[in-house]
């Protein structure tokens, strides 16, 4: 069943997660599909955190497990879309008030293998630091992550600070994370949103003029 990995990630069954990923790779399953199942599982982890079923140690474990999963998947993704190089520069950050790098880690990884120069500056990043990095790195695309519903206000504030610095003519802003949808995108003033890493790639390619 396609939901088995989703459930095991949601339950944080580390050994079972790794064996399932290995099994799927050996059977030749599309690694992008495996990544999508990981995203769905991690979304459930976030929901359980917000419902206070999980706490910070569980989130840290989820991040560690995902790192191990990505190490298995990475070789399977190389050699495909990664032949495209130098597509553009992307700045990734998890906004202030949110310490989760799970989703942004997947997005950064998939953007990199698709030929983008990705600079992930971490979690709980203040708006001013994001602005400083935009000015220094001059990315074409800025990706902002919010894993928790409580971080939406920080997401809005961050985009307002970027606007206030007059940088919106130079960058396009995409957002992502468990609570993000079109309504949130309009509320915070982002250019667009992506449900998963492949949608982030599609948006970034569109914005840098690559089909």
N, C-alpha and C. Protein backbone atom coordinates (compact mmCIF):
# COMPACT_ATOMS: atom_id res chain seq x y z
N UNK A 1 0.83 -1.20 0.00
CA UNK A 1 0.00 0.00 0.00
C UNK A 1 0.87 1.25 0.00
N UNK A 2 0.42 2.29 -0.67
CA UNK A 2 1.21 3.51 -0.79
C UNK A 2 1.24 4.30 0.50
N UNK A 3 0.28 3.99 1.42
CA UNK A 3 0.20 4.76 2.66
C UNK A 3 1.05 4.16 3.78
N UNK A 4 1.68 3.01 3.53
CA UNK A 4 2.41 2.37 4.61
C UNK A 4 3.56 3.24 5.12
N UNK A 5 4.31 3.83 4.21
CA UNK A 5 5.43 4.68 4.62
C UNK A 5 4.92 5.93 5.33
N UNK A 6 3.82 6.48 4.84
CA UNK A 6 3.21 7.65 5.48
C UNK A 6 2.89 7.34 6.94
N UNK A 7 2.29 6.19 7.17
CA UNK A 7 1.89 5.81 8.52
C UNK A 7 3.09 5.56 9.42
N UNK A 8 4.09 4.88 8.88
CA UNK A 8 5.27 4.57 9.69
C UNK A 8 6.02 5.85 10.08
N UNK A 9 6.09 6.82 9.15
CA UNK A 9 6.72 8.10 9.48
C UNK A 9 5.89 8.83 10.54
N UNK A 10 4.58 8.81 10.37
CA UNK A 10 3.70 9.45 11.35
C UNK A 10 3.91 8.86 12.74
N UNK A 11 4.15 7.54 12.79
CA UNK A 11 4.35 6.86 14.07
C UNK A 11 5.80 6.86 14.51
N UNK A 12 6.70 7.40 13.66
CA UNK A 12 8.13 7.49 13.95
C UNK A 12 8.75 6.13 14.26
N UNK A 13 8.38 5.12 13.46
CA UNK A 13 8.96 3.79 13.58
C UNK A 13 10.23 3.75 12.73
N UNK A 14 11.34 4.18 13.31
CA UNK A 14 12.57 4.43 12.56
C UNK A 14 13.03 3.23 11.74
N UNK A 15 13.14 2.06 12.36
CA UNK A 15 13.64 0.87 11.65
C UNK A 15 12.72 0.50 10.49
N UNK A 16 11.44 0.55 10.74
CA UNK A 16 10.46 0.19 9.70
C UNK A 16 10.51 1.20 8.55
N UNK A 17 10.70 2.47 8.87
CA UNK A 17 10.78 3.50 7.83
C UNK A 17 11.93 3.20 6.87
N UNK A 18 13.10 2.93 7.44
CA UNK A 18 14.28 2.70 6.61
C UNK A 18 14.14 1.45 5.76
N UNK A 19 13.57 0.40 6.35
CA UNK A 19 13.42 -0.85 5.58
C UNK A 19 12.41 -0.67 4.45
N UNK A 20 11.37 0.11 4.69
CA UNK A 20 10.37 0.37 3.65
C UNK A 20 10.97 1.17 2.50
N UNK A 21 11.76 2.20 2.85
CA UNK A 21 12.39 3.01 1.80
C UNK A 21 13.34 2.15 0.97
N UNK A 22 14.13 1.33 1.63
CA UNK A 22 15.05 0.44 0.90
C UNK A 22 14.28 -0.50 -0.01
N UNK A 23 13.18 -1.03 0.49
CA UNK A 23 12.35 -1.94 -0.29
C UNK A 23 11.76 -1.25 -1.52
N UNK A 24 11.28 -0.03 -1.34
CA UNK A 24 10.68 0.70 -2.45
C UNK A 24 11.73 1.02 -3.52
N UNK A 25 12.94 1.39 -3.08
CA UNK A 25 14.01 1.69 -4.03
C UNK A 25 14.40 0.45 -4.81
N UNK A 26 14.53 -0.69 -4.09
CA UNK A 26 14.90 -1.94 -4.74
C UNK A 26 13.87 -2.38 -5.77
N UNK A 27 12.60 -2.05 -5.52
CA UNK A 27 11.53 -2.42 -6.44
C UNK A 27 11.40 -1.43 -7.60
N UNK A 28 12.25 -0.37 -7.56
CA UNK A 28 12.25 0.58 -8.67
C UNK A 28 11.17 1.63 -8.60
N UNK A 29 10.61 1.85 -7.42
CA UNK A 29 9.58 2.89 -7.30
C UNK A 29 10.19 4.26 -7.55
N UNK A 30 9.43 5.12 -8.19
CA UNK A 30 9.88 6.49 -8.47
C UNK A 30 10.31 7.17 -7.18
N UNK A 31 11.58 7.59 -7.08
CA UNK A 31 12.04 8.22 -5.83
C UNK A 31 11.29 9.50 -5.50
N UNK A 32 10.77 10.18 -6.52
CA UNK A 32 9.98 11.38 -6.25
C UNK A 32 8.68 11.03 -5.54
N UNK A 33 8.15 9.85 -5.86
CA UNK A 33 6.93 9.39 -5.17
C UNK A 33 7.25 9.07 -3.71
N UNK A 34 8.42 8.47 -3.48
CA UNK A 34 8.85 8.18 -2.11
C UNK A 34 8.98 9.48 -1.32
N UNK A 35 9.57 10.48 -1.94
CA UNK A 35 9.69 11.79 -1.28
C UNK A 35 8.32 12.36 -0.94
N UNK A 36 7.37 12.18 -1.83
CA UNK A 36 6.03 12.70 -1.59
C UNK A 36 5.38 11.98 -0.41
N UNK A 37 5.61 10.67 -0.31
CA UNK A 37 5.10 9.94 0.84
C UNK A 37 5.74 10.44 2.13
N UNK A 38 7.04 10.76 2.06
CA UNK A 38 7.72 11.32 3.23
C UNK A 38 7.09 12.64 3.63
N UNK A 39 6.79 13.47 2.63
CA UNK A 39 6.17 14.77 2.93
C UNK A 39 4.83 14.57 3.65
N UNK A 40 4.04 13.64 3.17
CA UNK A 40 2.73 13.40 3.79
C UNK A 40 2.90 12.90 5.23
N UNK A 41 3.90 12.02 5.42
CA UNK A 41 4.14 11.51 6.77
C UNK A 41 4.60 12.60 7.71
N UNK A 42 5.50 13.46 7.21
CA UNK A 42 6.01 14.55 8.05
C UNK A 42 4.89 15.54 8.38
N UNK A 43 3.97 15.75 7.44
CA UNK A 43 2.83 16.62 7.72
C UNK A 43 2.02 16.08 8.89
N UNK A 44 1.87 14.75 8.93
CA UNK A 44 1.14 14.14 10.04
C UNK A 44 1.90 14.29 11.35
N UNK A 45 3.24 14.21 11.28
CA UNK A 45 4.05 14.44 12.48
C UNK A 45 3.78 15.86 13.01
N UNK A 46 3.74 16.83 12.10
CA UNK A 46 3.47 18.21 12.50
C UNK A 46 2.10 18.36 13.13
N UNK A 47 1.12 17.66 12.58
CA UNK A 47 -0.23 17.72 13.14
C UNK A 47 -0.25 17.15 14.56
N UNK A 48 0.49 16.06 14.74
CA UNK A 48 0.52 15.44 16.08
C UNK A 48 1.27 16.33 17.08
N UNK A 49 2.23 17.09 16.57
CA UNK A 49 2.94 18.04 17.42
C UNK A 49 1.99 19.15 17.87
N UNK A 50 1.23 19.68 16.92
CA UNK A 50 0.32 20.78 17.26
C UNK A 50 -0.81 20.31 18.17
N UNK A 51 -1.13 19.00 18.09
CA UNK A 51 -2.15 18.43 18.98
C UNK A 51 -1.56 17.99 20.32
N UNK A 52 -0.25 18.27 20.49
CA UNK A 52 0.48 17.95 21.71
C UNK A 52 0.57 16.45 21.98
N UNK A 53 0.51 15.66 20.90
CA UNK A 53 0.81 14.24 21.02
C UNK A 53 2.33 14.03 20.94
N UNK A 54 2.99 14.89 20.15
CA UNK A 54 4.44 14.87 20.02
C UNK A 54 5.02 16.16 20.59
N UNK A 55 6.31 16.08 20.94
CA UNK A 55 6.99 17.25 21.47
C UNK A 55 8.32 17.41 20.74
N UNK A 56 9.16 18.32 21.19
CA UNK A 56 10.40 18.63 20.47
C UNK A 56 11.28 17.41 20.21
N UNK A 57 11.46 16.49 21.16
CA UNK A 57 12.30 15.32 20.87
C UNK A 57 11.79 14.50 19.68
N UNK A 58 10.47 14.38 19.57
CA UNK A 58 9.91 13.64 18.44
C UNK A 58 10.17 14.36 17.12
N UNK A 59 10.09 15.70 17.14
CA UNK A 59 10.37 16.46 15.92
C UNK A 59 11.84 16.32 15.52
N UNK A 60 12.71 16.33 16.52
CA UNK A 60 14.13 16.15 16.22
C UNK A 60 14.40 14.76 15.64
N UNK A 61 13.74 13.76 16.19
CA UNK A 61 13.89 12.40 15.67
C UNK A 61 13.39 12.33 14.23
N UNK A 62 12.25 12.97 13.97
CA UNK A 62 11.71 12.98 12.61
C UNK A 62 12.70 13.58 11.63
N UNK A 63 13.36 14.66 12.03
CA UNK A 63 14.36 15.29 11.18
C UNK A 63 15.55 14.39 10.92
N UNK A 64 16.00 13.69 11.95
CA UNK A 64 17.13 12.78 11.80
C UNK A 64 16.79 11.62 10.87
N UNK A 65 15.59 11.07 11.05
CA UNK A 65 15.16 9.96 10.20
C UNK A 65 15.06 10.42 8.75
N UNK A 66 14.52 11.62 8.56
CA UNK A 66 14.38 12.12 7.19
C UNK A 66 15.74 12.33 6.53
N UNK A 67 16.72 12.77 7.30
CA UNK A 67 18.08 12.91 6.76
C UNK A 67 18.59 11.56 6.25
N UNK A 68 18.33 10.50 7.02
CA UNK A 68 18.76 9.16 6.62
C UNK A 68 18.02 8.69 5.37
N UNK A 69 16.72 9.00 5.31
CA UNK A 69 15.93 8.64 4.14
C UNK A 69 16.45 9.35 2.89
N UNK A 70 16.74 10.64 3.02
CA UNK A 70 17.22 11.42 1.88
C UNK A 70 18.58 10.93 1.41
N UNK A 71 19.40 10.43 2.34
CA UNK A 71 20.70 9.88 1.95
C UNK A 71 20.52 8.64 1.08
N UNK A 72 19.45 7.87 1.33
CA UNK A 72 19.17 6.70 0.51
C UNK A 72 18.60 7.08 -0.86
N UNK A 73 17.77 8.11 -0.86
CA UNK A 73 17.07 8.49 -2.09
C UNK A 73 17.96 9.30 -3.02
N UNK A 74 18.86 10.08 -2.47
CA UNK A 74 19.67 11.01 -3.27
C UNK A 74 20.34 10.36 -4.48
N UNK A 75 21.00 9.21 -4.32
CA UNK A 75 21.64 8.60 -5.50
C UNK A 75 20.65 8.21 -6.60
N UNK A 76 19.41 7.92 -6.20
CA UNK A 76 18.40 7.52 -7.19
C UNK A 76 17.90 8.72 -7.99
N UNK A 77 18.02 9.91 -7.42
CA UNK A 77 17.55 11.11 -8.10
C UNK A 77 18.62 11.74 -8.98
N UNK A 78 19.86 11.45 -8.70
CA UNK A 78 20.95 12.01 -9.49
C UNK A 78 20.90 11.49 -10.92
N UNK A 79 21.27 12.39 -11.83
CA UNK A 79 21.39 11.96 -13.21
C UNK A 79 20.15 12.21 -14.05
N UNK A 80 19.06 12.67 -13.40
CA UNK A 80 17.86 12.96 -14.15
C UNK A 80 17.78 14.43 -14.44
N UNK A 81 16.89 15.11 -13.70
CA UNK A 81 16.75 16.55 -13.88
C UNK A 81 18.02 17.30 -13.49
N UNK A 82 18.91 16.61 -12.76
CA UNK A 82 20.10 17.29 -12.26
C UNK A 82 21.06 17.68 -13.37
N UNK A 83 20.80 17.22 -14.60
CA UNK A 83 21.66 17.61 -15.71
C UNK A 83 21.56 19.11 -15.98
N UNK A 84 20.44 19.72 -15.57
CA UNK A 84 20.30 21.17 -15.71
C UNK A 84 21.09 21.84 -14.60
N UNK A 85 21.92 22.79 -14.94
CA UNK A 85 22.73 23.44 -13.94
C UNK A 85 22.69 24.95 -14.11
N UNK A 86 22.94 25.64 -13.01
CA UNK A 86 23.01 27.08 -13.07
C UNK A 86 21.69 27.74 -13.41
N UNK A 87 20.58 27.15 -12.93
CA UNK A 87 19.27 27.71 -13.29
C UNK A 87 18.99 29.02 -12.56
N UNK A 88 19.56 29.19 -11.40
CA UNK A 88 19.32 30.40 -10.63
C UNK A 88 19.62 30.17 -9.18
N UNK A 89 19.50 31.23 -8.40
CA UNK A 89 19.83 31.16 -6.98
C UNK A 89 18.56 31.24 -6.15
N UNK A 90 18.46 30.35 -5.15
CA UNK A 90 17.28 30.30 -4.29
C UNK A 90 17.72 30.42 -2.83
N UNK A 91 17.09 31.34 -2.11
CA UNK A 91 17.33 31.49 -0.67
C UNK A 91 16.18 30.81 0.07
N UNK A 92 16.51 29.91 0.98
CA UNK A 92 15.51 29.17 1.75
C UNK A 92 15.67 29.50 3.23
N UNK A 93 14.56 29.72 3.93
CA UNK A 93 14.62 29.96 5.37
C UNK A 93 13.31 29.53 6.01
N UNK A 94 13.41 29.02 7.23
CA UNK A 94 12.23 28.81 8.06
C UNK A 94 12.07 30.04 8.93
N UNK A 95 10.87 30.62 8.91
CA UNK A 95 10.68 31.94 9.51
C UNK A 95 10.82 31.93 11.03
N UNK A 96 11.03 33.12 11.56
CA UNK A 96 11.13 33.31 13.00
C UNK A 96 9.90 32.73 13.69
N UNK A 97 10.12 32.06 14.81
CA UNK A 97 9.02 31.45 15.53
C UNK A 97 8.79 30.00 15.19
N UNK A 98 9.57 29.46 14.24
CA UNK A 98 9.42 28.08 13.82
C UNK A 98 10.81 27.44 13.75
N UNK A 99 10.98 26.32 14.41
CA UNK A 99 12.31 25.69 14.49
C UNK A 99 12.40 24.41 13.68
N UNK A 100 11.48 24.20 12.76
CA UNK A 100 11.43 22.93 12.03
C UNK A 100 12.05 23.07 10.64
N UNK A 101 13.01 22.21 10.34
CA UNK A 101 13.68 22.28 9.05
C UNK A 101 13.38 21.08 8.16
N UNK A 102 12.37 20.31 8.53
CA UNK A 102 12.08 19.07 7.82
C UNK A 102 11.64 19.37 6.38
N UNK A 103 10.60 20.18 6.25
CA UNK A 103 10.10 20.49 4.91
C UNK A 103 11.08 21.29 4.08
N UNK A 104 11.72 22.28 4.71
CA UNK A 104 12.67 23.11 3.96
C UNK A 104 13.88 22.30 3.53
N UNK A 105 14.22 21.27 4.32
CA UNK A 105 15.33 20.40 3.93
C UNK A 105 15.04 19.62 2.67
N UNK A 106 13.81 19.10 2.57
CA UNK A 106 13.41 18.37 1.36
C UNK A 106 13.42 19.30 0.16
N UNK A 107 12.83 20.49 0.33
CA UNK A 107 12.75 21.44 -0.78
C UNK A 107 14.15 21.85 -1.24
N UNK A 108 15.03 22.14 -0.30
CA UNK A 108 16.40 22.53 -0.65
C UNK A 108 17.08 21.44 -1.45
N UNK A 109 16.94 20.22 -0.97
CA UNK A 109 17.56 19.06 -1.61
C UNK A 109 17.08 18.88 -3.05
N UNK A 110 15.76 18.93 -3.24
CA UNK A 110 15.20 18.69 -4.58
C UNK A 110 15.52 19.85 -5.52
N UNK A 111 15.53 21.07 -5.02
CA UNK A 111 15.94 22.21 -5.85
C UNK A 111 17.39 22.05 -6.30
N UNK A 112 18.25 21.60 -5.40
CA UNK A 112 19.66 21.42 -5.73
C UNK A 112 19.85 20.40 -6.83
N UNK A 113 19.16 19.26 -6.73
CA UNK A 113 19.36 18.22 -7.75
C UNK A 113 18.74 18.61 -9.08
N UNK A 114 17.92 19.67 -9.06
CA UNK A 114 17.36 20.18 -10.31
C UNK A 114 18.15 21.35 -10.85
N UNK A 115 19.33 21.61 -10.28
CA UNK A 115 20.23 22.58 -10.89
C UNK A 115 20.23 23.97 -10.29
N UNK A 116 19.54 24.18 -9.17
CA UNK A 116 19.53 25.50 -8.55
C UNK A 116 20.65 25.62 -7.52
N UNK A 117 21.14 26.83 -7.36
CA UNK A 117 22.13 27.15 -6.34
C UNK A 117 21.35 27.55 -5.09
N UNK A 118 21.28 26.64 -4.11
CA UNK A 118 20.39 26.82 -2.96
C UNK A 118 21.18 27.22 -1.72
N UNK A 119 20.68 28.25 -1.05
CA UNK A 119 21.27 28.70 0.20
C UNK A 119 20.21 28.60 1.29
N UNK A 120 20.29 27.56 2.10
CA UNK A 120 19.34 27.36 3.20
C UNK A 120 19.97 27.94 4.47
N UNK A 121 19.39 29.02 4.98
CA UNK A 121 20.02 29.72 6.11
C UNK A 121 19.43 29.31 7.45
N UNK A 122 18.63 28.24 7.46
CA UNK A 122 18.24 27.64 8.73
C UNK A 122 16.84 27.96 9.21
N UNK A 123 16.67 27.78 10.53
CA UNK A 123 15.34 27.90 11.14
C UNK A 123 15.29 29.10 12.09
N UNK A 124 14.06 29.49 12.42
CA UNK A 124 13.84 30.60 13.37
C UNK A 124 14.62 31.84 12.94
N UNK A 125 14.54 32.15 11.64
CA UNK A 125 15.35 33.24 11.09
C UNK A 125 14.57 34.56 11.15
N UNK A 126 15.10 35.58 11.82
CA UNK A 126 14.41 36.88 11.91
C UNK A 126 14.29 37.53 10.53
N UNK A 127 13.26 38.33 10.33
CA UNK A 127 13.07 39.00 9.04
C UNK A 127 14.29 39.80 8.59
N UNK A 128 14.93 40.47 9.52
CA UNK A 128 16.07 41.30 9.17
C UNK A 128 17.23 40.47 8.62
N UNK A 129 17.40 39.28 9.16
CA UNK A 129 18.47 38.40 8.67
C UNK A 129 18.16 37.90 7.26
N UNK A 130 16.90 37.63 7.00
CA UNK A 130 16.49 37.22 5.67
C UNK A 130 16.74 38.35 4.67
N UNK A 131 16.39 39.56 5.07
CA UNK A 131 16.63 40.74 4.21
C UNK A 131 18.12 40.90 3.93
N UNK A 132 18.95 40.76 4.95
CA UNK A 132 20.40 40.89 4.77
C UNK A 132 20.92 39.86 3.77
N UNK A 133 20.40 38.64 3.86
CA UNK A 133 20.84 37.58 2.95
C UNK A 133 20.35 37.81 1.52
N UNK A 134 19.16 38.38 1.38
CA UNK A 134 18.68 38.72 0.04
C UNK A 134 19.60 39.76 -0.59
N UNK A 135 19.96 40.76 0.20
CA UNK A 135 20.84 41.81 -0.32
C UNK A 135 22.22 41.27 -0.68
N UNK A 136 22.72 40.33 0.13
CA UNK A 136 24.06 39.79 -0.11
C UNK A 136 24.08 38.76 -1.24
N UNK A 137 23.12 37.84 -1.23
CA UNK A 137 23.14 36.72 -2.18
C UNK A 137 22.47 37.05 -3.51
N UNK A 138 21.54 38.01 -3.48
CA UNK A 138 20.78 38.40 -4.68
C UNK A 138 20.13 37.20 -5.38
N UNK A 139 19.29 36.46 -4.65
CA UNK A 139 18.61 35.32 -5.26
C UNK A 139 17.46 35.77 -6.14
N UNK A 140 17.14 34.94 -7.12
CA UNK A 140 15.94 35.21 -7.93
C UNK A 140 14.67 34.78 -7.19
N UNK A 141 14.82 33.77 -6.33
CA UNK A 141 13.67 33.19 -5.64
C UNK A 141 13.97 33.09 -4.14
N UNK A 142 12.98 33.43 -3.33
CA UNK A 142 13.07 33.24 -1.88
C UNK A 142 11.98 32.26 -1.47
N UNK A 143 12.37 31.20 -0.78
CA UNK A 143 11.42 30.23 -0.28
C UNK A 143 11.33 30.32 1.24
N UNK A 144 10.14 30.58 1.76
CA UNK A 144 9.94 30.71 3.19
C UNK A 144 9.08 29.56 3.70
N UNK A 145 9.54 28.92 4.76
CA UNK A 145 8.84 27.76 5.30
C UNK A 145 8.21 28.09 6.64
N UNK A 146 6.99 27.58 6.83
CA UNK A 146 6.31 27.67 8.12
C UNK A 146 5.64 26.33 8.38
N UNK A 147 6.13 25.61 9.34
CA UNK A 147 5.62 24.27 9.64
C UNK A 147 4.43 24.32 10.59
N UNK A 148 4.37 25.38 11.40
CA UNK A 148 3.33 25.51 12.41
C UNK A 148 2.35 26.63 12.06
N UNK A 149 1.09 26.42 12.41
CA UNK A 149 0.07 27.44 12.17
C UNK A 149 0.43 28.74 12.89
N UNK A 150 1.05 28.62 14.06
CA UNK A 150 1.40 29.80 14.84
C UNK A 150 2.45 30.67 14.16
N UNK A 151 3.13 30.13 13.15
CA UNK A 151 4.19 30.89 12.47
C UNK A 151 3.66 31.70 11.29
N UNK A 152 2.38 31.61 11.00
CA UNK A 152 1.83 32.34 9.85
C UNK A 152 1.97 33.84 10.03
N UNK A 153 1.75 34.35 11.24
CA UNK A 153 1.91 35.78 11.49
C UNK A 153 3.36 36.21 11.26
N UNK A 154 4.31 35.35 11.65
CA UNK A 154 5.73 35.66 11.43
C UNK A 154 6.05 35.65 9.94
N UNK A 155 5.39 34.75 9.22
CA UNK A 155 5.56 34.69 7.77
C UNK A 155 5.10 36.01 7.13
N UNK A 156 3.95 36.49 7.57
CA UNK A 156 3.42 37.74 7.05
C UNK A 156 4.35 38.91 7.38
N UNK A 157 4.84 38.93 8.61
CA UNK A 157 5.75 40.00 9.03
C UNK A 157 7.03 39.98 8.20
N UNK A 158 7.56 38.80 7.96
CA UNK A 158 8.79 38.68 7.18
C UNK A 158 8.61 39.25 5.78
N UNK A 159 7.50 38.91 5.14
CA UNK A 159 7.25 39.41 3.78
C UNK A 159 7.03 40.92 3.80
N UNK A 160 6.40 41.43 4.83
CA UNK A 160 6.21 42.88 4.94
C UNK A 160 7.55 43.60 5.08
N UNK A 161 8.49 43.00 5.83
CA UNK A 161 9.81 43.60 5.99
C UNK A 161 10.56 43.58 4.65
N UNK A 162 10.44 42.48 3.92
CA UNK A 162 11.08 42.40 2.60
C UNK A 162 10.49 43.47 1.69
N UNK A 163 9.17 43.61 1.74
CA UNK A 163 8.50 44.67 0.95
C UNK A 163 9.03 46.04 1.34
N UNK A 164 9.12 46.26 2.65
CA UNK A 164 9.53 47.56 3.15
C UNK A 164 10.94 47.96 2.75
N UNK A 165 11.77 46.95 2.46
CA UNK A 165 13.14 47.21 2.01
C UNK A 165 13.23 47.40 0.50
N UNK A 166 12.08 47.36 -0.17
CA UNK A 166 12.05 47.57 -1.62
C UNK A 166 12.67 46.46 -2.42
N UNK A 167 12.59 45.21 -1.93
CA UNK A 167 13.26 44.09 -2.60
C UNK A 167 12.34 43.23 -3.45
N UNK A 168 11.05 43.51 -3.43
CA UNK A 168 10.12 42.63 -4.14
C UNK A 168 10.24 42.71 -5.66
N UNK A 169 10.81 43.78 -6.16
CA UNK A 169 11.01 43.86 -7.61
C UNK A 169 12.11 42.90 -8.07
N UNK A 170 12.96 42.49 -7.13
CA UNK A 170 14.12 41.67 -7.48
C UNK A 170 13.92 40.19 -7.21
N UNK A 171 12.94 39.83 -6.37
CA UNK A 171 12.75 38.42 -6.02
C UNK A 171 11.29 38.02 -6.10
N UNK A 172 11.07 36.73 -6.30
CA UNK A 172 9.74 36.14 -6.18
C UNK A 172 9.74 35.30 -4.91
N UNK A 173 8.65 35.34 -4.17
CA UNK A 173 8.57 34.64 -2.89
C UNK A 173 7.56 33.51 -2.97
N UNK A 174 8.06 32.30 -2.66
CA UNK A 174 7.15 31.16 -2.53
C UNK A 174 7.18 30.69 -1.09
N UNK A 175 6.06 30.16 -0.64
CA UNK A 175 5.97 29.70 0.74
C UNK A 175 5.49 28.26 0.76
N UNK A 176 5.77 27.57 1.86
CA UNK A 176 5.36 26.19 1.98
C UNK A 176 5.35 25.76 3.43
N UNK A 177 4.71 24.62 3.68
CA UNK A 177 4.59 24.10 5.03
C UNK A 177 3.20 23.54 5.25
N UNK A 178 3.05 22.80 6.32
CA UNK A 178 1.80 22.10 6.59
C UNK A 178 0.56 23.00 6.58
N UNK A 179 0.60 24.22 7.16
CA UNK A 179 -0.63 25.03 7.19
C UNK A 179 -0.85 25.91 5.96
N UNK A 180 0.02 25.82 4.98
CA UNK A 180 -0.02 26.78 3.86
C UNK A 180 -1.01 26.33 2.78
N UNK A 181 -1.81 27.29 2.32
CA UNK A 181 -2.72 27.08 1.20
C UNK A 181 -2.87 28.42 0.46
N UNK A 182 -3.77 28.45 -0.51
CA UNK A 182 -3.93 29.67 -1.30
C UNK A 182 -4.41 30.84 -0.45
N UNK A 183 -5.30 30.56 0.48
CA UNK A 183 -5.82 31.63 1.35
C UNK A 183 -4.70 32.24 2.19
N UNK A 184 -3.85 31.39 2.75
CA UNK A 184 -2.72 31.89 3.54
C UNK A 184 -1.76 32.68 2.66
N UNK A 185 -1.54 32.18 1.45
CA UNK A 185 -0.64 32.86 0.51
C UNK A 185 -1.09 34.29 0.25
N UNK A 186 -2.39 34.46 0.01
CA UNK A 186 -2.94 35.79 -0.22
C UNK A 186 -2.86 36.65 1.04
N UNK A 187 -3.09 36.02 2.19
CA UNK A 187 -3.06 36.74 3.46
C UNK A 187 -1.68 37.32 3.77
N UNK A 188 -0.64 36.52 3.52
CA UNK A 188 0.72 36.96 3.89
C UNK A 188 1.40 37.75 2.78
N UNK A 189 0.84 37.71 1.55
CA UNK A 189 1.39 38.51 0.46
C UNK A 189 2.51 37.85 -0.33
N UNK A 190 2.56 36.50 -0.31
CA UNK A 190 3.56 35.79 -1.10
C UNK A 190 3.13 35.72 -2.56
N UNK A 191 4.06 35.39 -3.45
CA UNK A 191 3.72 35.27 -4.87
C UNK A 191 2.98 33.97 -5.18
N UNK A 192 3.36 32.89 -4.47
CA UNK A 192 2.70 31.61 -4.71
C UNK A 192 3.10 30.65 -3.61
N UNK A 193 2.52 29.46 -3.64
CA UNK A 193 2.84 28.44 -2.63
C UNK A 193 2.97 27.09 -3.30
N UNK A 194 3.67 26.19 -2.61
CA UNK A 194 3.84 24.85 -3.15
C UNK A 194 3.49 23.81 -2.10
N UNK A 195 2.75 22.80 -2.53
CA UNK A 195 2.36 21.74 -1.60
C UNK A 195 3.51 20.79 -1.31
N UNK A 196 4.42 20.67 -2.28
CA UNK A 196 5.55 19.75 -2.09
C UNK A 196 6.78 20.29 -2.81
N UNK A 197 7.87 19.53 -2.71
CA UNK A 197 9.15 19.99 -3.26
C UNK A 197 9.11 20.10 -4.77
N UNK A 198 8.42 19.21 -5.45
CA UNK A 198 8.37 19.27 -6.91
C UNK A 198 7.60 20.51 -7.39
N UNK A 199 6.59 20.92 -6.61
CA UNK A 199 5.89 22.15 -6.96
C UNK A 199 6.80 23.36 -6.76
N UNK A 200 7.66 23.29 -5.74
CA UNK A 200 8.64 24.36 -5.53
C UNK A 200 9.58 24.46 -6.72
N UNK A 201 10.00 23.32 -7.25
CA UNK A 201 10.87 23.30 -8.43
C UNK A 201 10.14 23.90 -9.63
N UNK A 202 8.88 23.53 -9.79
CA UNK A 202 8.10 24.04 -10.92
C UNK A 202 7.98 25.56 -10.86
N UNK A 203 7.69 26.07 -9.67
CA UNK A 203 7.57 27.52 -9.51
C UNK A 203 8.90 28.22 -9.77
N UNK A 204 9.97 27.68 -9.19
CA UNK A 204 11.28 28.30 -9.35
C UNK A 204 11.69 28.32 -10.82
N UNK A 205 11.47 27.22 -11.52
CA UNK A 205 11.82 27.17 -12.94
C UNK A 205 11.01 28.18 -13.75
N UNK A 206 9.72 28.29 -13.42
CA UNK A 206 8.87 29.26 -14.12
C UNK A 206 9.38 30.66 -13.91
N UNK A 207 9.78 30.97 -12.69
CA UNK A 207 10.18 32.33 -12.37
C UNK A 207 11.56 32.69 -12.95
N UNK A 208 12.39 31.70 -13.19
CA UNK A 208 13.70 32.00 -13.81
C UNK A 208 13.65 31.79 -15.32
N UNK A 209 12.46 31.48 -15.85
CA UNK A 209 12.29 31.37 -17.29
C UNK A 209 12.71 30.05 -17.90
N UNK A 210 12.61 28.97 -17.11
CA UNK A 210 12.94 27.64 -17.60
C UNK A 210 11.69 26.79 -17.64
N UNK A 211 11.44 26.12 -18.75
CA UNK A 211 10.25 25.29 -18.86
C UNK A 211 10.41 23.99 -18.09
